[in-house]
Protein backbone atom coordinates (compact mmCIF):
# COMPACT_ATOMS: atom_id res chain seq x y z
CA MET A 1 18.85 -26.50 -8.77
CA LYS A 2 18.32 -28.78 -5.26
CA LYS A 3 15.68 -30.68 -6.42
CA SER A 4 18.03 -31.52 -9.66
CA LEU A 5 20.75 -32.98 -7.76
CA PHE A 6 18.76 -34.78 -5.46
CA TYR A 7 16.91 -36.79 -8.33
CA GLN A 8 20.52 -37.74 -9.33
CA PHE A 9 21.62 -38.33 -5.71
CA ILE A 10 18.33 -40.70 -6.03
CA LEU A 11 19.57 -42.27 -9.21
CA LEU A 12 22.90 -42.98 -8.08
CA VAL A 13 21.70 -44.75 -4.91
CA LEU A 14 19.61 -47.06 -7.00
CA ALA A 15 22.63 -47.86 -9.39
CA THR A 16 24.55 -48.45 -6.44
CA ALA A 17 22.43 -51.01 -4.70
CA HIS A 18 21.82 -52.48 -8.75
CA SER A 19 25.74 -52.74 -8.71
CA GLU A 20 26.18 -54.55 -5.08
CA GLU A 21 23.43 -57.16 -6.72
CA GLU A 22 25.59 -58.00 -9.40
CA GLU A 23 28.39 -58.78 -7.51
CA GLY A 24 26.56 -60.78 -5.38
CA GLY A 25 25.13 -58.51 -2.41
CA SER A 26 22.02 -57.52 -1.69
CA LEU A 27 20.28 -54.69 -0.51
CA GLY A 28 20.02 -54.55 3.53
CA GLU A 29 23.44 -56.08 4.12
CA ARG A 30 26.53 -54.53 4.84
CA VAL A 31 29.63 -55.09 2.14
CA GLY A 32 32.80 -55.12 2.85
CA ASN A 33 32.93 -52.10 5.30
CA SER A 34 30.19 -50.37 3.37
CA CYS A 35 27.17 -49.17 5.18
CA PRO A 36 24.16 -50.86 4.39
CA ILE A 37 21.73 -49.57 1.97
CA LYS A 38 17.92 -50.54 2.29
CA MET A 39 14.87 -49.56 -0.31
CA LYS A 40 11.30 -50.74 0.54
CA THR A 41 8.39 -49.86 0.25
CA GLY A 42 6.49 -47.25 2.16
CA GLY A 43 2.98 -45.53 2.63
CA LYS A 44 -0.60 -46.45 1.05
CA CYS A 45 -0.55 -48.12 -2.39
CA ASP A 46 -2.59 -47.11 -4.83
CA GLU A 47 -5.07 -48.97 -6.93
CA ASP A 48 -2.62 -49.81 -9.82
CA GLY A 49 -0.04 -51.27 -7.10
CA ASN A 50 2.14 -48.11 -7.42
CA CYS A 51 3.62 -47.70 -3.83
CA PRO A 52 5.93 -44.62 -1.99
CA TYR A 53 9.09 -46.02 -1.66
CA GLN A 54 11.57 -45.30 1.12
CA VAL A 55 15.28 -45.36 0.53
CA THR A 56 17.72 -45.90 4.38
CA LEU A 57 21.40 -44.79 4.00
CA PRO A 58 21.66 -45.01 8.16
CA PRO A 59 21.01 -43.14 9.69
CA LEU A 60 18.93 -40.93 6.88
CA THR A 61 15.73 -42.49 5.32
CA ILE A 62 14.22 -40.26 2.31
CA GLN A 63 10.59 -40.75 1.53
CA LEU A 64 10.59 -41.37 -2.33
CA PRO A 65 7.03 -40.53 -4.55
CA LYS A 66 5.64 -43.24 -6.62
CA GLN A 67 6.77 -42.70 -9.52
CA PHE A 68 10.49 -44.20 -8.40
CA GLN A 69 9.06 -47.51 -8.85
CA LEU A 70 9.47 -47.22 -12.24
CA LEU A 71 13.07 -47.24 -11.69
CA GLU A 72 13.19 -50.28 -9.76
CA LYS A 73 11.10 -52.07 -12.50
CA THR A 74 13.63 -50.42 -15.17
CA ILE A 75 16.51 -52.02 -13.28
CA LYS A 76 15.21 -55.55 -12.90
CA GLU A 77 13.90 -55.51 -16.67
CA VAL A 78 18.22 -54.41 -17.07
CA GLN A 79 18.84 -56.90 -15.28
CA SER A 80 16.89 -59.66 -17.10
CA LEU A 81 18.41 -58.49 -20.43
CA LYS A 82 22.11 -58.57 -18.90
CA GLU A 83 21.24 -62.16 -18.26
CA MET A 84 19.40 -62.94 -21.53
CA VAL A 85 22.20 -61.62 -23.50
CA ASN A 86 24.80 -63.54 -21.26
CA ALA A 87 22.97 -66.63 -22.24
CA LEU A 88 23.01 -65.74 -25.90
CA LYS A 89 26.76 -65.01 -25.38
CA LYS A 90 26.95 -68.64 -24.04
CA SER A 91 24.70 -69.93 -26.67
CA CYS A 92 26.97 -68.82 -29.53
CA GLN A 93 30.24 -69.92 -27.57
CA ASP A 94 28.98 -73.66 -27.27
CA CYS A 95 27.63 -73.12 -31.26
CA LYS A 96 31.37 -72.05 -32.04
CA LEU A 97 32.80 -75.12 -30.29
CA GLN A 98 30.37 -77.34 -31.67
CA ALA A 99 31.06 -76.38 -35.22
CA ASP A 100 34.78 -76.64 -34.78
CA ASP A 101 33.91 -80.27 -33.78
CA THR A 102 32.55 -81.04 -36.70
CA PRO A 103 34.54 -82.48 -39.74
CA GLU A 104 34.26 -81.36 -42.92
CA ARG A 105 32.40 -83.10 -45.70
CA GLU A 106 33.72 -84.80 -48.32
CA ASN A 107 32.80 -82.00 -51.06
CA ASN A 108 35.17 -79.87 -48.93
CA GLU A 109 31.85 -77.88 -47.81
CA GLN A 110 31.38 -76.04 -44.68
CA GLN A 111 28.14 -76.54 -42.80
CA THR A 112 26.92 -73.18 -41.68
CA PRO A 113 24.25 -73.16 -38.76
CA ASP A 114 20.64 -71.56 -39.11
CA PRO A 115 21.31 -67.88 -38.09
CA SER A 116 17.51 -67.19 -38.10
CA TRP A 117 16.82 -67.97 -34.63
CA GLN A 118 19.63 -65.58 -33.50
CA ASP A 119 17.77 -63.20 -35.76
CA HIS A 120 14.62 -63.61 -33.86
CA ASN A 121 16.61 -63.62 -30.32
CA ILE A 122 18.01 -60.57 -31.37
CA GLN A 123 14.82 -58.70 -32.72
CA GLU A 124 13.18 -59.50 -29.32
CA LEU A 125 16.23 -58.37 -27.20
CA GLN A 126 15.66 -54.50 -29.31
CA SER A 127 11.79 -54.93 -28.47
CA LYS A 128 12.67 -54.85 -24.77
CA VAL A 129 15.65 -52.76 -24.82
CA LYS A 130 12.89 -50.32 -26.54
CA LYS A 131 10.44 -50.92 -24.33
CA MET A 132 12.70 -50.02 -21.53
CA SER A 133 13.46 -46.76 -23.05
CA ILE A 134 10.66 -45.75 -23.28
CA SER A 135 9.98 -46.39 -19.48
CA LEU A 136 13.03 -44.56 -18.63
CA LYS A 137 11.40 -41.81 -20.91
CA ASN A 138 7.71 -42.08 -18.89
CA ALA A 139 9.76 -42.09 -15.27
CA ARG A 140 12.00 -38.77 -16.86
CA ASN A 141 8.53 -37.14 -17.82
CA GLN A 142 6.60 -38.00 -15.06
CA ILE A 143 9.33 -36.75 -12.63
CA ASN A 144 9.58 -33.36 -14.57
CA THR A 145 5.70 -32.92 -13.90
CA LEU A 146 6.05 -33.29 -10.29
CA GLN A 147 8.72 -30.63 -9.97
CA ASN A 148 6.77 -28.53 -11.99
CA GLN A 149 3.67 -29.20 -10.12
CA LEU A 150 6.06 -27.97 -6.71
CA GLU A 151 6.80 -24.81 -8.43
CA LYS A 152 3.60 -23.27 -9.49
CA MET A 153 2.27 -23.65 -6.09
CA ASP A 154 3.07 -20.09 -5.79
CA PRO A 155 1.78 -18.50 -2.04
CA LEU A 156 0.65 -15.40 -4.32
CA ASN A 157 -2.28 -17.49 -5.73
CA ILE A 158 -3.51 -16.59 -2.28
CA ASN A 159 -5.00 -13.31 -3.57
CA SER A 160 -7.51 -14.82 -6.30
CA ILE A 161 -8.81 -16.70 -3.10
CA GLU A 162 -9.23 -13.48 -1.51
CA GLN A 163 -11.05 -11.58 -4.29
CA TYR A 164 -13.16 -14.35 -4.55
CA VAL A 165 -14.01 -14.12 -0.88
CA ASP A 166 -14.22 -10.18 -1.52
CA ASN A 167 -16.71 -10.70 -4.40
CA LYS A 168 -18.94 -12.99 -2.51
CA MET A 169 -18.73 -10.78 0.12
CA ALA A 170 -19.77 -7.60 -2.08
CA ASN A 171 -22.74 -9.59 -3.38
CA LEU A 172 -23.92 -10.51 0.21
CA SER A 173 -23.61 -6.89 1.52
CA TYR A 174 -25.67 -5.82 -1.29
CA ALA A 175 -28.35 -8.15 -0.88
CA LEU A 176 -28.20 -7.02 2.66
CA ASN A 177 -28.53 -3.68 2.10
CA SER A 178 -31.05 -3.86 -0.25
CA LEU A 179 -33.21 -5.52 2.62
CA ASP A 180 -32.83 -2.85 5.13
CA ASN A 181 -35.52 -0.64 3.04
CA LYS A 182 -37.71 -3.31 3.16
CA CYS A 183 -40.46 -3.49 6.48
CA SER A 184 -39.74 -5.49 9.26
CA SER A 185 -41.73 -6.74 12.97
CA ASN A 186 -40.78 -3.08 13.77
CA CYS A 187 -42.34 -1.31 10.77
CA PRO A 188 -43.48 2.28 12.23
CA ALA A 189 -46.47 1.65 10.32
CA LEU A 190 -47.56 -0.92 12.68
CA GLU A 191 -46.79 0.60 16.01
CA ALA A 192 -49.37 1.29 18.60
CA ASN A 193 -48.65 5.17 18.33
CA PRO A 194 -47.01 5.74 14.97
CA SER A 195 -45.11 9.04 15.22
CA THR A 196 -44.81 10.49 11.72
CA GLN A 197 -42.04 11.99 10.43
CA LEU A 198 -40.52 13.08 7.48
CA MET A 199 -37.14 11.85 6.54
CA TYR A 200 -35.15 13.49 3.44
CA LYS A 201 -32.56 10.34 2.28
CA ASP A 202 -30.90 13.07 0.44
CA CYS A 203 -31.07 16.34 -1.73
CA SER A 204 -33.76 15.28 -4.07
CA ASP A 205 -36.05 15.05 -1.53
CA TYR A 206 -36.36 18.44 -0.73
CA TYR A 207 -35.71 19.34 -4.10
CA ASN A 208 -39.17 17.25 -4.65
CA LEU A 209 -40.68 19.14 -2.49
CA GLY A 210 -40.09 22.13 -3.55
CA LYS A 211 -36.72 23.70 -2.31
CA LYS A 212 -34.50 24.39 -4.98
CA ILE A 213 -32.23 26.61 -3.33
CA ASN A 214 -28.35 25.82 -3.48
CA GLY A 215 -27.35 24.95 0.43
CA ILE A 216 -26.96 22.92 3.55
CA TYR A 217 -29.61 20.51 4.40
CA ARG A 218 -29.64 17.41 6.75
CA VAL A 219 -30.66 14.19 5.30
CA THR A 220 -31.12 10.83 6.90
CA PRO A 221 -30.27 8.24 4.10
CA ASP A 222 -30.81 5.12 6.99
CA PRO A 223 -32.98 5.63 9.81
CA LYS A 224 -31.11 3.54 11.89
CA ASN A 225 -27.99 5.97 11.32
CA LYS A 226 -27.90 9.74 12.37
CA THR A 227 -28.69 12.24 10.74
CA PHE A 228 -25.78 14.69 8.99
CA GLU A 229 -25.84 17.85 7.06
CA VAL A 230 -24.71 17.96 3.23
CA TYR A 231 -24.43 20.71 0.77
CA CYS A 232 -27.26 20.47 -1.95
CA ASP A 233 -26.94 21.62 -5.61
CA MET A 234 -30.28 22.49 -6.70
CA GLU A 235 -29.19 24.38 -10.04
CA SER A 236 -26.76 21.99 -12.23
CA MET A 237 -27.98 19.76 -14.83
CA GLY A 238 -31.68 19.39 -13.32
CA GLY A 239 -31.09 19.78 -9.41
CA GLY A 240 -31.57 17.43 -6.64
CA TRP A 241 -27.45 16.47 -6.50
CA THR A 242 -26.18 15.86 -3.28
CA VAL A 243 -23.01 17.18 -3.05
CA VAL A 244 -19.62 14.67 -2.16
CA GLN A 245 -16.73 16.34 -2.92
CA ILE A 246 -15.47 19.88 -3.65
CA ARG A 247 -12.13 21.62 -5.09
CA LYS A 248 -11.94 25.07 -5.91
CA ASP A 249 -9.05 27.23 -3.99
CA GLY A 250 -6.65 24.83 -2.34
CA SER A 251 -7.58 25.95 1.60
CA THR A 252 -8.14 22.16 2.26
CA SER A 253 -5.47 19.19 2.21
CA PHE A 254 -6.71 16.23 0.71
CA ASN A 255 -3.51 14.20 2.09
CA ARG A 256 -5.08 12.89 4.75
CA THR A 257 -5.92 9.62 6.95
CA TRP A 258 -7.84 6.30 6.44
CA ASN A 259 -10.20 7.48 9.68
CA GLU A 260 -10.11 11.52 7.85
CA TYR A 261 -11.56 9.99 4.48
CA LYS A 262 -14.21 7.86 6.55
CA ASN A 263 -15.55 10.63 8.48
CA GLY A 264 -15.59 13.37 6.26
CA PHE A 265 -13.39 16.66 6.25
CA GLY A 266 -13.42 20.13 5.10
CA ASN A 267 -15.98 22.78 4.68
CA LEU A 268 -19.48 21.98 3.24
CA THR A 269 -19.18 25.59 1.64
CA GLY A 270 -15.84 25.81 0.52
CA GLU A 271 -13.87 22.36 0.07
CA PHE A 272 -14.25 19.20 1.73
CA TRP A 273 -14.91 15.46 1.39
CA LEU A 274 -18.07 14.49 2.78
CA GLY A 275 -16.81 10.96 4.14
CA ASN A 276 -17.05 7.52 3.03
CA ASP A 277 -19.39 5.95 5.58
CA LYS A 278 -21.69 8.80 4.12
CA LEU A 279 -21.12 7.78 0.88
CA HIS A 280 -21.64 4.30 1.92
CA LEU A 281 -25.07 5.43 3.54
CA LEU A 282 -26.54 7.18 0.69
CA THR A 283 -25.39 4.61 -2.22
CA LYS A 284 -27.14 2.04 -0.55
CA SER A 285 -30.83 3.88 -0.17
CA ASN A 286 -31.02 4.43 -3.54
CA ASP A 287 -29.37 3.62 -6.70
CA MET A 288 -27.39 6.75 -7.27
CA MET A 289 -25.55 8.44 -10.60
CA LEU A 290 -22.37 10.36 -10.55
CA LYS A 291 -21.69 13.45 -12.16
CA ILE A 292 -18.33 14.82 -11.73
CA GLU A 293 -17.67 18.74 -13.30
CA LEU A 294 -13.89 19.52 -13.90
CA GLU A 295 -12.79 23.14 -15.52
CA ASP A 296 -8.73 24.23 -15.98
CA PHE A 297 -7.19 27.13 -15.54
CA LYS A 298 -7.17 28.05 -19.38
CA GLY A 299 -11.30 28.09 -18.95
CA MET A 300 -12.31 24.46 -20.45
CA LYS A 301 -15.02 22.79 -18.72
CA GLU A 302 -16.33 19.21 -19.09
CA TYR A 303 -17.82 16.64 -17.30
CA ALA A 304 -18.37 12.82 -16.83
CA LYS A 305 -21.80 11.48 -15.55
CA TYR A 306 -22.19 7.62 -14.81
CA ASP A 307 -25.49 5.84 -14.34
CA GLN A 308 -24.22 3.66 -11.43
CA PHE A 309 -22.16 4.82 -8.32
CA TYR A 310 -21.90 2.43 -5.10
CA VAL A 311 -19.52 2.60 -3.00
CA ALA A 312 -19.30 -0.58 -0.51
CA ASN A 313 -18.70 -0.24 3.44
CA GLU A 314 -15.87 -0.21 5.80
CA TYR A 315 -15.69 -3.91 5.84
CA LEU A 316 -15.34 -3.95 2.12
CA LYS A 317 -12.67 -1.07 2.16
CA TYR A 318 -14.96 0.90 0.48
CA ARG A 319 -14.94 -0.63 -2.50
CA LEU A 320 -15.95 1.38 -5.71
CA SER A 321 -19.03 0.18 -8.38
CA VAL A 322 -19.05 2.52 -11.25
CA ASP A 323 -20.86 1.72 -14.79
CA GLY A 324 -22.85 3.61 -17.72
CA TYR A 325 -20.26 6.72 -18.96
CA SER A 326 -21.72 9.50 -20.70
CA GLY A 327 -20.22 12.94 -21.49
CA THR A 328 -17.50 15.40 -22.58
CA ALA A 329 -14.70 14.75 -20.39
CA GLY A 330 -13.80 11.00 -21.42
CA ASP A 331 -14.20 7.91 -19.08
CA ALA A 332 -10.85 8.22 -16.98
CA LEU A 333 -12.05 5.80 -14.36
CA HIS A 334 -12.33 2.72 -17.13
CA PHE A 335 -8.77 4.01 -19.03
CA SER A 336 -7.59 0.51 -19.45
CA LYS A 337 -7.75 -2.84 -18.14
CA GLN A 338 -4.09 -1.77 -15.69
CA TYR A 339 -5.97 1.30 -14.81
CA ASN A 340 -9.25 0.80 -14.19
CA HIS A 341 -11.03 1.99 -10.94
CA ASP A 342 -14.07 0.33 -11.09
CA GLN A 343 -13.87 -2.23 -8.46
CA LYS A 344 -11.10 -1.32 -6.85
CA PHE A 345 -11.04 -0.77 -2.67
CA PHE A 346 -10.16 2.91 -1.48
CA THR A 347 -6.55 3.68 -0.42
CA THR A 348 -4.96 6.00 1.99
CA PRO A 349 -1.16 7.09 2.60
CA ASP A 350 -1.79 5.36 5.99
CA LYS A 351 -3.64 2.11 4.98
CA ASP A 352 -2.62 0.45 1.54
CA ASN A 353 -5.33 -1.35 -0.55
CA ASP A 354 -4.23 -0.74 -3.81
CA ARG A 355 -3.01 -3.11 -6.53
CA TYR A 356 0.72 -1.62 -7.16
CA PRO A 357 2.95 -4.39 -5.59
CA SER A 358 5.73 -2.23 -5.01
CA GLY A 359 4.23 0.44 -2.41
CA ASN A 360 1.40 2.62 -1.52
CA CYS A 361 -0.13 4.56 -4.23
CA GLY A 362 -2.05 6.93 -1.96
CA SER A 363 1.29 7.54 0.08
CA TYR A 364 2.82 8.14 -3.41
CA TYR A 365 0.78 10.30 -4.60
CA ASN A 366 0.02 12.13 -1.16
CA SER A 367 -4.24 11.68 -1.26
CA GLY A 368 -7.08 8.80 -0.78
CA TRP A 369 -8.40 7.42 -3.48
CA TRP A 370 -9.79 4.06 -5.31
CA PHE A 371 -6.36 3.80 -7.10
CA ASP A 372 -5.58 0.66 -8.91
CA ALA A 373 -1.91 0.36 -9.70
CA CYS A 374 -1.65 2.99 -9.18
CA MET A 375 -4.12 5.47 -11.53
CA SER A 376 -5.34 7.21 -14.57
CA ALA A 377 -7.51 9.31 -12.30
CA ASN A 378 -7.16 11.22 -9.21
CA LEU A 379 -9.44 14.03 -7.98
CA ASN A 380 -7.73 14.38 -4.54
CA GLY A 381 -4.89 14.75 -5.76
CA LYS A 382 -2.27 17.98 -4.61
CA TYR A 383 -3.96 21.55 -5.77
CA TYR A 384 -1.97 23.10 -7.65
CA LYS A 385 -2.79 26.73 -8.73
CA GLN A 386 0.35 26.81 -11.68
CA ASP A 387 1.34 24.07 -14.11
CA TYR A 388 4.31 22.00 -12.01
CA LYS A 389 6.59 19.15 -13.53
CA GLY A 390 7.88 15.63 -11.74
CA VAL A 391 4.89 13.20 -9.99
CA ARG A 392 2.06 13.51 -11.14
CA ASP A 393 0.39 14.17 -7.60
CA GLY A 394 -1.61 16.87 -8.77
CA ILE A 395 -5.94 16.41 -9.17
CA PHE A 396 -5.69 14.50 -12.31
CA TRP A 397 -8.05 13.31 -14.81
CA GLY A 398 -6.23 10.85 -17.75
CA THR A 399 -8.95 11.44 -20.87
CA TRP A 400 -8.67 15.20 -20.44
CA PRO A 401 -7.17 17.18 -23.67
CA GLY A 402 -4.16 17.32 -24.14
CA VAL A 403 -2.40 14.84 -21.10
CA SER A 404 -2.49 11.93 -23.20
CA ASP A 405 0.67 14.40 -25.03
CA GLU A 406 2.40 14.88 -21.86
CA SER A 407 5.76 13.78 -21.67
CA ILE A 408 8.11 13.08 -18.48
CA ASN A 409 9.66 16.47 -18.37
CA SER A 410 6.51 18.34 -19.72
CA PHE A 411 4.13 20.47 -17.14
CA ARG A 412 1.00 18.53 -16.34
CA GLN A 413 -2.24 19.37 -16.45
CA THR A 414 -4.07 22.01 -13.61
CA PHE A 415 -7.56 22.07 -12.62
CA LYS A 416 -9.06 24.96 -11.11
CA PHE A 417 -12.10 23.71 -10.05
CA VAL A 418 -13.52 19.94 -9.42
CA LYS A 419 -16.58 18.78 -7.95
CA MET A 420 -18.34 15.42 -7.50
CA MET A 421 -21.90 14.96 -6.76
CA ILE A 422 -24.64 11.95 -6.69
CA ARG A 423 -28.64 12.00 -7.20
CA PRO A 424 -30.95 8.87 -7.52
CA ASN A 425 -31.50 7.24 -10.66
CA ASN A 426 -34.96 7.32 -11.07
CA PHE A 427 -35.12 11.45 -9.97
CA THR A 428 -37.09 13.44 -12.41
CA PRO A 429 -36.80 17.12 -12.09
């Protein structure tokens, strides 16, 4: 609205300036007690000779875009047309006076001037008026185009730039991680006194050496980082699984901070989250698959397996990469375009990295997870031992049988047992 009033004001200034020219005044001269109005070119002209204009209303100077040159040209054309009309009017008056002075012919026939030249001038005038109308229309269209361009300059477009940078950083991080496994100048095999030490990157290494009992083992996914303990499942679906999360009795709260999810919490023999830093080290050391096991309180058991599973580092907000679904529980991590957890950042109640514009999904659902806006799956939700109503802040898997039929006032689906575990893609039992 303000822009429209501004354009009307400029047109009024130009019209006033034109009116003063008609009355014998000129731009820049004082007429009576009025203020001098100055309009001149200002700034660098383009190759077509179009220059930005300035309108000076003492003590105010307004810089105008190049398109306002069309307005000045149009005003000059109007002035030229007006002079032509006045000339035609004078010609008609002279013609009439000449006709009045001519005596009648003897045969009483009155001599009539040939109007063809007048018709020609009228057609030429109409042509010029048409061109002027086109010029005005073009000027208005260009002004509207400039206005639309200004309105489209939305600061929210910075989000697309950030997303582009994040994607480039993710690709760079993946390339650097893949180089970590290659021998460098400090390769132990080239040292004078190499020390032979067997390192286990994950539970599959223990399984391949014949250790096939479930329990706690120490692993070193990256020699540059410390060894840590994990729980190994050596029995499910071929064994060799490194467990990264378990929910089974509600003894451990998953409403935790960013640092707690970063380092891990809980008990490896009970309920726990292994830790996002450890997830990153494990998934960068090998191409990992993910298996999720779920069981509800009615005894129904289903699973979801993903052939690709990777968690980026903290700099990239532990971005999730997951793909290649198979199983019986349904692909809730790729539920729809709006609810797709793949390539999403990790969010906690105290650190909002989700795509929900009106709040923090982690705070709303009291958990840490790779939220979208907000979710179709959340295995870190509150552990409910019985059906509940209201906000769906419990453990949730959006493709579980019957979940899609729930209404806003119906009881929510609850889960008795959940387990997330990973294993190298090239593992063979």
